Amino acid sequence: MTKQNLLIELYCAVCYHYDSTLAGEVQRLTNNFRPNFTDKECMAIYLFGIAEGKFEVKAIYNFIKDYWHDWFPGLPSYQKFNKRINFLADAFVRLAEILVNDKCANPFGVHVASHIMDSIPIVVASSKRSGSAKATKGLCSKGYCSSKSMYYYGIKLHILGEKQYKTLPSPRMMEITPASTSDLTHAKQMLSQAQNIEIFADKIYLDARWQ
């Protein structure tokens, strides 16, 4: 598939899901409820940039500005683009859930996508300081990492990745929570809308209902 076709396909997919589902996540209560540079364009650009190996907002913006500006003449300044990406955060989360379900759909009973689920500790303060650390209190908390047998102060990165042959899993959903959050509790929340997924995970994700 050419880059042009990939961009067109991404834009069409975003338009479809935006009109059918995502618009409710980004309602505006201002006079500028129909911006010149649309949410659909912004989301398609962001996803296209990631597909091209750009993982920072600035890098994605510069890539589009340098090579695809003719396709998006209404592209605003970087500051406004970055602000829009933040505004669309909830829409991106919802889109990720939709795409996971689409990819894992199993209408004919032939294929169930295999996934791996796990959490990774992101340590802000190690065990010795985990009880007294106060940095980013609204986001961080004290938790326990069983695989490393340690208490720490920080956050958890929860990841659902689709298995790929002879390479790393392809990320489908990623969320950050305080370190004290239960893996099982958050996994149930992350996958509340998912269907027909085969999951490989640690025993910490099991309870009677999920098993």
N, C-alpha and C. Protein backbone atom coordinates (compact mmCIF):
# COMPACT_ATOMS: atom_id res chain seq x y z
N MET A 1 0.83 -1.19 0.00
CA MET A 1 0.00 0.00 0.00
C MET A 1 0.88 1.25 0.00
N THR A 2 0.57 2.21 -0.89
CA THR A 2 1.34 3.45 -0.93
C THR A 2 1.00 4.31 0.28
N LYS A 3 1.88 5.28 0.57
CA LYS A 3 1.62 6.18 1.70
C LYS A 3 0.36 6.99 1.46
N GLN A 4 0.15 7.39 0.21
CA GLN A 4 -1.06 8.16 -0.11
C GLN A 4 -2.32 7.35 0.20
N ASN A 5 -2.31 6.08 -0.22
CA ASN A 5 -3.47 5.24 0.03
C ASN A 5 -3.67 4.97 1.52
N LEU A 6 -2.55 4.81 2.25
CA LEU A 6 -2.65 4.59 3.69
C LEU A 6 -3.29 5.79 4.36
N LEU A 7 -2.86 6.99 3.98
CA LEU A 7 -3.42 8.20 4.57
C LEU A 7 -4.90 8.34 4.25
N ILE A 8 -5.28 8.05 3.02
CA ILE A 8 -6.69 8.13 2.61
C ILE A 8 -7.52 7.11 3.41
N GLU A 9 -6.98 5.90 3.55
CA GLU A 9 -7.71 4.85 4.28
C GLU A 9 -7.87 5.22 5.75
N LEU A 10 -6.81 5.78 6.35
CA LEU A 10 -6.89 6.22 7.74
C LEU A 10 -7.92 7.32 7.90
N TYR A 11 -7.89 8.28 6.99
CA TYR A 11 -8.83 9.40 7.09
C TYR A 11 -10.27 8.91 6.96
N CYS A 12 -10.52 8.00 6.02
CA CYS A 12 -11.88 7.48 5.83
C CYS A 12 -12.34 6.71 7.07
N ALA A 13 -11.43 5.93 7.67
CA ALA A 13 -11.78 5.17 8.88
C ALA A 13 -12.10 6.11 10.04
N VAL A 14 -11.27 7.16 10.20
CA VAL A 14 -11.51 8.14 11.26
C VAL A 14 -12.86 8.83 11.04
N CYS A 15 -13.13 9.23 9.80
CA CYS A 15 -14.40 9.91 9.49
C CYS A 15 -15.59 9.02 9.85
N TYR A 16 -15.50 7.76 9.50
CA TYR A 16 -16.61 6.83 9.77
C TYR A 16 -16.86 6.71 11.27
N HIS A 17 -15.78 6.45 12.03
CA HIS A 17 -15.95 6.26 13.47
C HIS A 17 -16.26 7.57 14.19
N TYR A 18 -15.74 8.69 13.67
CA TYR A 18 -16.02 9.98 14.29
C TYR A 18 -17.51 10.30 14.17
N ASP A 19 -18.04 10.13 12.97
CA ASP A 19 -19.45 10.46 12.74
C ASP A 19 -20.40 9.51 13.49
N SER A 20 -20.00 8.24 13.62
CA SER A 20 -20.90 7.27 14.23
C SER A 20 -20.76 7.18 15.74
N THR A 21 -19.56 7.50 16.29
CA THR A 21 -19.33 7.28 17.71
C THR A 21 -18.57 8.39 18.41
N LEU A 22 -17.48 8.85 17.81
CA LEU A 22 -16.52 9.69 18.54
C LEU A 22 -16.98 11.12 18.78
N ALA A 23 -17.89 11.62 17.96
CA ALA A 23 -18.30 13.02 18.07
C ALA A 23 -18.81 13.35 19.47
N GLY A 24 -19.45 12.37 20.11
CA GLY A 24 -19.96 12.60 21.46
C GLY A 24 -18.88 12.79 22.50
N GLU A 25 -17.65 12.34 22.21
CA GLU A 25 -16.54 12.48 23.15
C GLU A 25 -15.93 13.88 23.11
N VAL A 26 -16.21 14.63 22.05
CA VAL A 26 -15.52 15.92 21.84
C VAL A 26 -16.49 17.06 21.56
N GLN A 27 -17.62 17.05 22.21
CA GLN A 27 -18.60 18.11 22.00
C GLN A 27 -18.04 19.45 22.45
N ARG A 28 -18.31 20.49 21.66
CA ARG A 28 -17.86 21.84 21.98
C ARG A 28 -19.05 22.72 22.34
N LEU A 29 -18.86 23.56 23.33
CA LEU A 29 -19.92 24.47 23.74
C LEU A 29 -19.53 25.91 23.47
N THR A 30 -18.80 26.11 22.38
CA THR A 30 -18.35 27.45 22.01
C THR A 30 -18.83 27.77 20.60
N ASN A 31 -18.60 29.03 20.20
CA ASN A 31 -18.96 29.43 18.84
C ASN A 31 -18.11 28.72 17.80
N ASN A 32 -16.89 28.33 18.18
CA ASN A 32 -15.98 27.67 17.25
C ASN A 32 -16.17 26.16 17.32
N PHE A 33 -17.43 25.71 17.12
CA PHE A 33 -17.70 24.29 17.21
C PHE A 33 -17.44 23.57 15.89
N ARG A 34 -17.13 24.32 14.84
CA ARG A 34 -16.74 23.72 13.56
C ARG A 34 -15.43 24.35 13.08
N PRO A 35 -14.31 23.95 13.70
CA PRO A 35 -13.03 24.57 13.34
C PRO A 35 -12.63 24.29 11.90
N ASN A 36 -11.87 25.22 11.33
CA ASN A 36 -11.39 25.10 9.95
C ASN A 36 -10.62 23.80 9.75
N PHE A 37 -9.68 23.56 10.64
CA PHE A 37 -8.90 22.32 10.63
C PHE A 37 -9.67 21.32 11.49
N THR A 38 -10.25 20.31 10.87
CA THR A 38 -11.22 19.46 11.56
C THR A 38 -10.57 18.46 12.51
N ASP A 39 -11.38 17.98 13.45
CA ASP A 39 -10.92 16.92 14.36
C ASP A 39 -10.54 15.68 13.56
N LYS A 40 -11.29 15.40 12.51
CA LYS A 40 -11.01 14.22 11.69
C LYS A 40 -9.62 14.32 11.05
N GLU A 41 -9.29 15.49 10.52
CA GLU A 41 -7.97 15.70 9.95
C GLU A 41 -6.88 15.52 11.00
N CYS A 42 -7.12 16.10 12.17
CA CYS A 42 -6.14 16.04 13.25
C CYS A 42 -5.87 14.61 13.68
N MET A 43 -6.92 13.81 13.85
CA MET A 43 -6.76 12.43 14.28
C MET A 43 -6.09 11.59 13.21
N ALA A 44 -6.48 11.81 11.96
CA ALA A 44 -5.87 11.05 10.86
C ALA A 44 -4.38 11.37 10.74
N ILE A 45 -4.02 12.65 10.87
CA ILE A 45 -2.61 13.05 10.81
C ILE A 45 -1.81 12.39 11.93
N TYR A 46 -2.37 12.39 13.13
CA TYR A 46 -1.67 11.81 14.28
C TYR A 46 -1.41 10.32 14.07
N LEU A 47 -2.43 9.60 13.63
CA LEU A 47 -2.30 8.16 13.40
C LEU A 47 -1.35 7.87 12.24
N PHE A 48 -1.40 8.69 11.21
CA PHE A 48 -0.51 8.53 10.06
C PHE A 48 0.94 8.75 10.48
N GLY A 49 1.16 9.76 11.31
CA GLY A 49 2.52 10.02 11.80
C GLY A 49 3.07 8.85 12.58
N ILE A 50 2.23 8.25 13.44
CA ILE A 50 2.66 7.08 14.20
C ILE A 50 2.98 5.91 13.27
N ALA A 51 2.13 5.72 12.24
CA ALA A 51 2.37 4.65 11.27
C ALA A 51 3.70 4.86 10.53
N GLU A 52 4.13 6.10 10.44
CA GLU A 52 5.39 6.43 9.76
C GLU A 52 6.57 6.48 10.73
N GLY A 53 6.35 6.02 11.96
CA GLY A 53 7.45 5.93 12.92
C GLY A 53 7.73 7.20 13.69
N LYS A 54 6.79 8.14 13.70
CA LYS A 54 6.96 9.37 14.48
C LYS A 54 6.12 9.23 15.76
N PHE A 55 6.76 9.30 16.92
CA PHE A 55 6.04 9.02 18.16
C PHE A 55 5.94 10.22 19.09
N GLU A 56 6.35 11.39 18.64
CA GLU A 56 6.19 12.61 19.41
C GLU A 56 5.34 13.58 18.59
N VAL A 57 4.51 14.35 19.29
CA VAL A 57 3.59 15.26 18.60
C VAL A 57 4.36 16.23 17.71
N LYS A 58 5.47 16.75 18.21
CA LYS A 58 6.26 17.72 17.43
C LYS A 58 6.78 17.07 16.15
N ALA A 59 7.27 15.83 16.26
CA ALA A 59 7.81 15.13 15.09
C ALA A 59 6.71 14.87 14.06
N ILE A 60 5.52 14.50 14.54
CA ILE A 60 4.39 14.26 13.64
C ILE A 60 4.01 15.56 12.93
N TYR A 61 3.94 16.64 13.69
CA TYR A 61 3.56 17.94 13.12
C TYR A 61 4.54 18.36 12.03
N ASN A 62 5.84 18.27 12.32
CA ASN A 62 6.86 18.69 11.36
C ASN A 62 6.84 17.81 10.12
N PHE A 63 6.58 16.52 10.30
CA PHE A 63 6.50 15.58 9.18
C PHE A 63 5.37 15.97 8.23
N ILE A 64 4.21 16.27 8.78
CA ILE A 64 3.07 16.67 7.95
C ILE A 64 3.33 18.03 7.30
N LYS A 65 3.88 18.95 8.07
CA LYS A 65 4.14 20.30 7.55
C LYS A 65 5.14 20.27 6.40
N ASP A 66 6.16 19.43 6.52
CA ASP A 66 7.22 19.39 5.51
C ASP A 66 6.83 18.61 4.26
N TYR A 67 6.02 17.55 4.41
CA TYR A 67 5.80 16.65 3.27
C TYR A 67 4.35 16.53 2.82
N TRP A 68 3.38 16.93 3.67
CA TRP A 68 1.97 16.69 3.33
C TRP A 68 1.11 17.94 3.50
N HIS A 69 1.75 19.08 3.53
CA HIS A 69 1.00 20.32 3.81
C HIS A 69 -0.04 20.60 2.73
N ASP A 70 0.24 20.20 1.49
CA ASP A 70 -0.73 20.42 0.40
C ASP A 70 -2.04 19.67 0.66
N TRP A 71 -1.94 18.58 1.38
CA TRP A 71 -3.14 17.79 1.69
C TRP A 71 -3.93 18.41 2.83
N PHE A 72 -3.25 19.20 3.67
CA PHE A 72 -3.90 19.79 4.84
C PHE A 72 -3.58 21.28 4.91
N PRO A 73 -4.14 22.07 3.97
CA PRO A 73 -3.82 23.51 3.92
C PRO A 73 -4.25 24.27 5.17
N GLY A 74 -5.18 23.71 5.92
CA GLY A 74 -5.64 24.40 7.13
C GLY A 74 -4.83 24.05 8.37
N LEU A 75 -3.71 23.35 8.20
CA LEU A 75 -2.89 22.95 9.34
C LEU A 75 -2.51 24.18 10.16
N PRO A 76 -2.85 24.20 11.45
CA PRO A 76 -2.58 25.38 12.29
C PRO A 76 -1.14 25.40 12.79
N SER A 77 -0.83 26.30 13.69
CA SER A 77 0.50 26.34 14.30
C SER A 77 0.70 25.10 15.16
N TYR A 78 1.95 24.80 15.50
CA TYR A 78 2.24 23.63 16.32
C TYR A 78 1.52 23.72 17.67
N GLN A 79 1.51 24.90 18.27
CA GLN A 79 0.88 25.07 19.58
C GLN A 79 -0.60 24.69 19.53
N LYS A 80 -1.29 25.15 18.47
CA LYS A 80 -2.71 24.84 18.34
C LYS A 80 -2.94 23.36 18.02
N PHE A 81 -2.03 22.80 17.22
CA PHE A 81 -2.13 21.38 16.89
C PHE A 81 -1.97 20.52 18.15
N ASN A 82 -0.97 20.86 18.95
CA ASN A 82 -0.71 20.13 20.20
C ASN A 82 -1.90 20.25 21.16
N LYS A 83 -2.48 21.44 21.23
CA LYS A 83 -3.65 21.66 22.09
C LYS A 83 -4.82 20.80 21.62
N ARG A 84 -4.97 20.69 20.31
CA ARG A 84 -6.08 19.89 19.76
C ARG A 84 -5.88 18.40 20.07
N ILE A 85 -4.65 17.92 19.95
CA ILE A 85 -4.37 16.52 20.26
C ILE A 85 -4.77 16.21 21.70
N ASN A 86 -4.43 17.13 22.62
CA ASN A 86 -4.81 16.94 24.03
C ASN A 86 -6.33 16.96 24.20
N PHE A 87 -6.99 17.85 23.48
CA PHE A 87 -8.44 17.95 23.55
C PHE A 87 -9.11 16.66 23.07
N LEU A 88 -8.48 15.98 22.12
CA LEU A 88 -9.04 14.76 21.52
C LEU A 88 -8.64 13.48 22.25
N ALA A 89 -8.01 13.62 23.41
CA ALA A 89 -7.49 12.43 24.13
C ALA A 89 -8.58 11.38 24.34
N ASP A 90 -9.76 11.78 24.80
CA ASP A 90 -10.84 10.82 25.06
C ASP A 90 -11.30 10.14 23.78
N ALA A 91 -11.28 10.90 22.68
CA ALA A 91 -11.69 10.33 21.40
C ALA A 91 -10.69 9.27 20.93
N PHE A 92 -9.40 9.51 21.17
CA PHE A 92 -8.38 8.52 20.81
C PHE A 92 -8.55 7.24 21.62
N VAL A 93 -8.87 7.38 22.91
CA VAL A 93 -9.09 6.20 23.76
C VAL A 93 -10.27 5.39 23.24
N ARG A 94 -11.34 6.07 22.92
CA ARG A 94 -12.55 5.38 22.40
C ARG A 94 -12.26 4.73 21.06
N LEU A 95 -11.51 5.42 20.20
CA LEU A 95 -11.16 4.86 18.89
C LEU A 95 -10.33 3.60 19.05
N ALA A 96 -9.40 3.61 20.01
CA ALA A 96 -8.58 2.42 20.26
C ALA A 96 -9.45 1.23 20.64
N GLU A 97 -10.45 1.47 21.50
CA GLU A 97 -11.36 0.40 21.90
C GLU A 97 -12.12 -0.15 20.70
N ILE A 98 -12.57 0.76 19.83
CA ILE A 98 -13.33 0.34 18.64
C ILE A 98 -12.46 -0.50 17.72
N LEU A 99 -11.22 -0.06 17.50
CA LEU A 99 -10.34 -0.77 16.58
C LEU A 99 -9.94 -2.13 17.12
N VAL A 100 -9.78 -2.23 18.44
CA VAL A 100 -9.49 -3.54 19.04
C VAL A 100 -10.65 -4.49 18.76
N ASN A 101 -11.87 -4.02 18.97
CA ASN A 101 -13.04 -4.86 18.73
C ASN A 101 -13.17 -5.24 17.26
N ASP A 102 -12.92 -4.26 16.37
CA ASP A 102 -13.00 -4.53 14.94
C ASP A 102 -12.01 -5.60 14.52
N LYS A 103 -10.79 -5.48 15.05
CA LYS A 103 -9.73 -6.39 14.64
C LYS A 103 -9.95 -7.78 15.20
N CYS A 104 -10.61 -7.83 16.38
CA CYS A 104 -10.78 -9.12 17.05
C CYS A 104 -12.14 -9.74 16.78
N ALA A 105 -12.96 -9.08 15.97
CA ALA A 105 -14.28 -9.61 15.68
C ALA A 105 -14.17 -11.01 15.08
N ASN A 106 -15.12 -11.87 15.41
CA ASN A 106 -15.03 -13.25 14.99
C ASN A 106 -16.39 -13.75 14.50
N PRO A 107 -16.95 -13.11 13.47
CA PRO A 107 -18.32 -13.41 13.07
C PRO A 107 -18.51 -14.83 12.54
N PHE A 108 -17.45 -15.47 11.99
CA PHE A 108 -17.59 -16.78 11.39
C PHE A 108 -16.97 -17.88 12.24
N GLY A 109 -16.49 -17.53 13.44
CA GLY A 109 -15.91 -18.53 14.31
C GLY A 109 -14.62 -19.12 13.79
N VAL A 110 -13.91 -18.41 12.94
CA VAL A 110 -12.70 -18.95 12.31
C VAL A 110 -11.44 -18.50 13.03
N HIS A 111 -11.34 -17.24 13.40
CA HIS A 111 -10.09 -16.71 13.93
C HIS A 111 -10.35 -15.86 15.18
N VAL A 112 -9.61 -16.16 16.22
CA VAL A 112 -9.65 -15.33 17.42
C VAL A 112 -8.25 -14.77 17.61
N ALA A 113 -8.14 -13.46 17.65
CA ALA A 113 -6.82 -12.84 17.76
C ALA A 113 -6.22 -13.10 19.14
N SER A 114 -4.96 -13.51 19.16
CA SER A 114 -4.27 -13.79 20.42
C SER A 114 -3.58 -12.53 20.92
N HIS A 115 -3.75 -12.25 22.21
CA HIS A 115 -3.18 -11.05 22.82
C HIS A 115 -2.41 -11.39 24.09
N ILE A 116 -1.51 -10.52 24.45
CA ILE A 116 -0.77 -10.61 25.70
C ILE A 116 -1.09 -9.39 26.53
N MET A 117 -1.35 -9.60 27.82
CA MET A 117 -1.66 -8.48 28.70
C MET A 117 -0.72 -8.49 29.90
N ASP A 118 -0.23 -7.31 30.26
CA ASP A 118 0.66 -7.21 31.42
C ASP A 118 0.73 -5.75 31.86
N SER A 119 1.33 -5.54 33.02
CA SER A 119 1.57 -4.17 33.50
C SER A 119 3.06 -4.02 33.79
N ILE A 120 3.55 -2.79 33.68
CA ILE A 120 4.96 -2.50 33.90
C ILE A 120 5.07 -1.39 34.94
N PRO A 121 5.87 -1.60 35.99
CA PRO A 121 6.03 -0.53 36.98
C PRO A 121 6.92 0.59 36.45
N ILE A 122 6.52 1.83 36.66
CA ILE A 122 7.35 2.98 36.33
C ILE A 122 7.69 3.65 37.66
N VAL A 123 8.92 3.46 38.09
CA VAL A 123 9.35 3.82 39.45
C VAL A 123 9.76 5.28 39.51
N VAL A 124 9.09 6.05 40.37
CA VAL A 124 9.48 7.43 40.65
C VAL A 124 10.38 7.47 41.88
N ALA A 125 10.06 6.64 42.88
CA ALA A 125 10.89 6.53 44.08
C ALA A 125 10.98 5.06 44.47
N SER A 126 12.19 4.59 44.76
CA SER A 126 12.40 3.18 45.07
C SER A 126 11.89 2.83 46.46
N SER A 127 12.10 1.59 46.85
CA SER A 127 11.51 1.05 48.08
C SER A 127 11.79 1.90 49.32
N LYS A 128 13.02 2.34 49.48
CA LYS A 128 13.39 3.09 50.69
C LYS A 128 12.61 4.38 50.84
N ARG A 129 12.27 5.03 49.72
CA ARG A 129 11.59 6.32 49.77
C ARG A 129 10.12 6.21 49.38
N SER A 130 9.64 4.97 49.16
CA SER A 130 8.27 4.81 48.66
C SER A 130 7.21 5.31 49.64
N GLY A 131 7.54 5.30 50.95
CA GLY A 131 6.56 5.74 51.94
C GLY A 131 6.53 7.23 52.17
N SER A 132 7.59 7.94 51.76
CA SER A 132 7.67 9.38 52.02
C SER A 132 7.63 10.23 50.76
N ALA A 133 7.73 9.62 49.59
CA ALA A 133 7.74 10.37 48.33
C ALA A 133 6.42 11.11 48.12
N LYS A 134 6.51 12.32 47.55
CA LYS A 134 5.30 13.13 47.35
C LYS A 134 5.17 13.68 45.93
N ALA A 135 6.12 13.37 45.06
CA ALA A 135 6.09 13.91 43.69
C ALA A 135 4.83 13.46 42.95
N THR A 136 4.27 14.38 42.16
CA THR A 136 3.06 14.12 41.34
C THR A 136 2.03 13.29 42.09
N LYS A 137 1.62 13.79 43.24
CA LYS A 137 0.72 13.05 44.13
C LYS A 137 -0.60 12.66 43.47
N GLY A 138 -1.09 13.48 42.60
CA GLY A 138 -2.37 13.17 41.96
C GLY A 138 -2.30 11.97 41.04
N LEU A 139 -1.11 11.66 40.55
CA LEU A 139 -0.94 10.57 39.58
C LEU A 139 -0.28 9.35 40.21
N CYS A 140 0.73 9.56 41.06
CA CYS A 140 1.51 8.46 41.63
C CYS A 140 0.93 7.98 42.97
N SER A 141 1.30 6.76 43.34
CA SER A 141 0.98 6.21 44.65
C SER A 141 1.97 5.09 44.96
N LYS A 142 1.89 4.57 46.18
CA LYS A 142 2.77 3.47 46.56
C LYS A 142 2.12 2.15 46.16
N GLY A 143 2.93 1.27 45.56
CA GLY A 143 2.42 -0.02 45.14
C GLY A 143 3.46 -1.11 45.31
N TYR A 144 3.06 -2.33 44.96
CA TYR A 144 3.97 -3.48 45.09
C TYR A 144 4.08 -4.18 43.75
N CYS A 145 5.33 -4.45 43.34
CA CYS A 145 5.58 -5.18 42.10
C CYS A 145 6.00 -6.60 42.48
N SER A 146 5.12 -7.58 42.25
CA SER A 146 5.39 -8.95 42.68
C SER A 146 6.52 -9.60 41.89
N SER A 147 6.63 -9.25 40.58
CA SER A 147 7.69 -9.87 39.77
C SER A 147 9.08 -9.45 40.21
N LYS A 148 9.19 -8.24 40.79
CA LYS A 148 10.48 -7.74 41.28
C LYS A 148 10.58 -7.78 42.80
N SER A 149 9.49 -8.25 43.44
CA SER A 149 9.43 -8.34 44.91
C SER A 149 9.85 -7.04 45.58
N MET A 150 9.21 -5.94 45.16
CA MET A 150 9.59 -4.64 45.74
C MET A 150 8.39 -3.71 45.84
N TYR A 151 8.44 -2.87 46.86
CA TYR A 151 7.51 -1.75 46.98
C TYR A 151 8.13 -0.57 46.24
N TYR A 152 7.29 0.26 45.66
CA TYR A 152 7.81 1.44 44.96
C TYR A 152 6.73 2.51 44.93
N TYR A 153 7.15 3.73 44.67
CA TYR A 153 6.23 4.86 44.51
C TYR A 153 6.29 5.28 43.05
N GLY A 154 5.13 5.29 42.40
CA GLY A 154 5.13 5.65 40.97
C GLY A 154 3.81 5.32 40.31
N ILE A 155 3.90 4.82 39.09
CA ILE A 155 2.70 4.51 38.30
C ILE A 155 2.87 3.15 37.63
N LYS A 156 1.78 2.68 37.02
CA LYS A 156 1.81 1.44 36.24
C LYS A 156 1.40 1.74 34.81
N LEU A 157 2.08 1.10 33.88
CA LEU A 157 1.67 1.15 32.48
C LEU A 157 1.02 -0.19 32.16
N HIS A 158 -0.27 -0.17 31.84
CA HIS A 158 -1.02 -1.39 31.50
C HIS A 158 -1.07 -1.51 29.98
N ILE A 159 -0.71 -2.68 29.46
CA ILE A 159 -0.61 -2.86 28.01
C ILE A 159 -1.35 -4.11 27.56
N LEU A 160 -2.13 -3.96 26.50
CA LEU A 160 -2.70 -5.10 25.77
C LEU A 160 -2.06 -5.09 24.40
N GLY A 161 -1.33 -6.18 24.06
CA GLY A 161 -0.65 -6.24 22.77
C GLY A 161 -1.07 -7.47 21.99
N GLU A 162 -1.23 -7.31 20.68
CA GLU A 162 -1.57 -8.46 19.84
C GLU A 162 -0.30 -9.21 19.46
N LYS A 163 -0.34 -10.52 19.62
CA LYS A 163 0.83 -11.34 19.30
C LYS A 163 1.20 -11.24 17.83
N GLN A 164 2.50 -11.18 17.56
CA GLN A 164 3.02 -11.17 16.20
C GLN A 164 4.11 -12.23 16.08
N TYR A 165 4.21 -12.83 14.92
CA TYR A 165 5.15 -13.93 14.72
C TYR A 165 6.59 -13.43 14.78
N LYS A 166 7.38 -14.01 15.68
CA LYS A 166 8.81 -13.75 15.82
C LYS A 166 9.17 -12.29 16.03
N THR A 167 8.30 -11.54 16.67
CA THR A 167 8.62 -10.15 16.99
C THR A 167 7.77 -9.73 18.19
N LEU A 168 7.97 -8.50 18.65
CA LEU A 168 7.25 -8.01 19.82
C LEU A 168 5.76 -7.85 19.51
N PRO A 169 4.90 -7.98 20.52
CA PRO A 169 3.47 -7.75 20.30
C PRO A 169 3.20 -6.33 19.81
N SER A 170 2.15 -6.19 19.03
CA SER A 170 1.75 -4.87 18.54
C SER A 170 0.78 -4.25 19.54
N PRO A 171 1.11 -3.10 20.15
CA PRO A 171 0.24 -2.49 21.17
C PRO A 171 -1.14 -2.16 20.61
N ARG A 172 -2.19 -2.54 21.35
CA ARG A 172 -3.55 -2.22 20.97
C ARG A 172 -4.19 -1.25 21.95
N MET A 173 -3.88 -1.40 23.24
CA MET A 173 -4.39 -0.48 24.26
C MET A 173 -3.30 -0.27 25.30
N MET A 174 -3.15 0.98 25.74
CA MET A 174 -2.18 1.30 26.78
C MET A 174 -2.79 2.35 27.70
N GLU A 175 -2.71 2.14 29.00
CA GLU A 175 -3.23 3.11 29.97
C GLU A 175 -2.30 3.20 31.17
N ILE A 176 -2.29 4.36 31.81
CA ILE A 176 -1.45 4.59 32.99
C ILE A 176 -2.35 4.78 34.21
N THR A 177 -1.97 4.14 35.33
CA THR A 177 -2.70 4.29 36.58
C THR A 177 -1.71 4.46 37.72
N PRO A 178 -2.16 4.90 38.90
CA PRO A 178 -1.29 4.90 40.08
C PRO A 178 -0.80 3.48 40.38
N ALA A 179 0.36 3.37 41.01
CA ALA A 179 0.98 2.07 41.28
C ALA A 179 0.10 1.15 42.12
N SER A 180 -0.76 1.71 42.96
CA SER A 180 -1.59 0.91 43.86
C SER A 180 -2.78 0.25 43.17
N THR A 181 -3.03 0.59 41.92
CA THR A 181 -4.18 0.04 41.19
C THR A 181 -4.03 -1.45 40.95
N SER A 182 -5.06 -2.21 41.21
CA SER A 182 -5.05 -3.65 40.97
C SER A 182 -5.03 -3.95 39.47
N ASP A 183 -4.14 -4.84 39.05
CA ASP A 183 -4.06 -5.21 37.63
C ASP A 183 -5.38 -5.80 37.15
N LEU A 184 -5.97 -6.69 37.94
CA LEU A 184 -7.21 -7.34 37.55
C LEU A 184 -8.35 -6.34 37.43
N THR A 185 -8.48 -5.47 38.41
CA THR A 185 -9.56 -4.47 38.39
C THR A 185 -9.45 -3.58 37.16
N HIS A 186 -8.23 -3.12 36.86
CA HIS A 186 -8.07 -2.23 35.71
C HIS A 186 -8.23 -2.97 34.39
N ALA A 187 -7.78 -4.22 34.34
CA ALA A 187 -7.94 -5.00 33.12
C ALA A 187 -9.41 -5.16 32.75
N LYS A 188 -10.25 -5.40 33.77
CA LYS A 188 -11.69 -5.53 33.52
C LYS A 188 -12.26 -4.24 32.94
N GLN A 189 -11.74 -3.11 33.45
CA GLN A 189 -12.21 -1.81 32.94
C GLN A 189 -11.74 -1.59 31.51
N MET A 190 -10.46 -1.90 31.24
CA MET A 190 -9.91 -1.70 29.90
C MET A 190 -10.64 -2.54 28.85
N LEU A 191 -11.00 -3.76 29.23
CA LEU A 191 -11.56 -4.70 28.26
C LEU A 191 -13.08 -4.83 28.36
N SER A 192 -13.72 -3.84 28.98
CA SER A 192 -15.17 -3.94 29.21
C SER A 192 -15.97 -4.04 27.91
N GLN A 193 -15.42 -3.48 26.82
CA GLN A 193 -16.14 -3.51 25.55
C GLN A 193 -15.57 -4.52 24.56
N ALA A 194 -14.50 -5.22 24.94
CA ALA A 194 -13.85 -6.14 24.01
C ALA A 194 -14.57 -7.48 23.93
N GLN A 195 -14.49 -8.13 22.76
CA GLN A 195 -15.11 -9.42 22.56
C GLN A 195 -14.19 -10.32 21.74
N ASN A 196 -14.33 -11.64 21.90
CA ASN A 196 -13.61 -12.62 21.09
C ASN A 196 -12.11 -12.41 21.10
N ILE A 197 -11.54 -12.22 22.29
CA ILE A 197 -10.09 -12.04 22.42
C ILE A 197 -9.51 -13.19 23.24
N GLU A 198 -8.46 -13.80 22.72
CA GLU A 198 -7.72 -14.80 23.48
C GLU A 198 -6.56 -14.08 24.17
N ILE A 199 -6.48 -14.22 25.49
CA ILE A 199 -5.49 -13.46 26.26
C ILE A 199 -4.57 -14.38 27.02
N PHE A 200 -3.27 -14.10 26.90
CA PHE A 200 -2.26 -14.77 27.72
C PHE A 200 -1.79 -13.74 28.75
N ALA A 201 -1.86 -14.13 30.03
CA ALA A 201 -1.51 -13.17 31.09
C ALA A 201 -1.08 -13.93 32.34
N ASP A 202 -0.50 -13.21 33.30
CA ASP A 202 -0.12 -13.80 34.57
C ASP A 202 -1.36 -14.22 35.37
N LYS A 203 -1.14 -15.05 36.39
CA LYS A 203 -2.24 -15.52 37.22
C LYS A 203 -2.89 -14.39 38.01
N ILE A 204 -2.18 -13.27 38.15
CA ILE A 204 -2.75 -12.14 38.88
C ILE A 204 -4.02 -11.61 38.23
N TYR A 205 -4.21 -11.93 36.93
CA TYR A 205 -5.40 -11.47 36.21
C TYR A 205 -6.58 -12.43 36.34
N LEU A 206 -6.44 -13.50 37.10
CA LEU A 206 -7.51 -14.49 37.21
C LEU A 206 -8.37 -14.27 38.44
N ASP A 207 -9.66 -14.41 38.27
CA ASP A 207 -10.57 -14.65 39.38
C ASP A 207 -11.59 -15.66 38.87
N ALA A 208 -12.52 -16.05 39.69
CA ALA A 208 -13.43 -17.13 39.30
C ALA A 208 -14.17 -16.83 38.01
N ARG A 209 -14.63 -15.58 37.86
CA ARG A 209 -15.41 -15.22 36.68
C ARG A 209 -14.56 -15.20 35.42
N TRP A 210 -13.38 -14.57 35.48
CA TRP A 210 -12.53 -14.48 34.30
C TRP A 210 -11.92 -15.81 33.92
N GLN A 211 -11.62 -16.65 34.91
CA GLN A 211 -11.03 -17.95 34.58
C GLN A 211 -12.00 -18.80 33.78
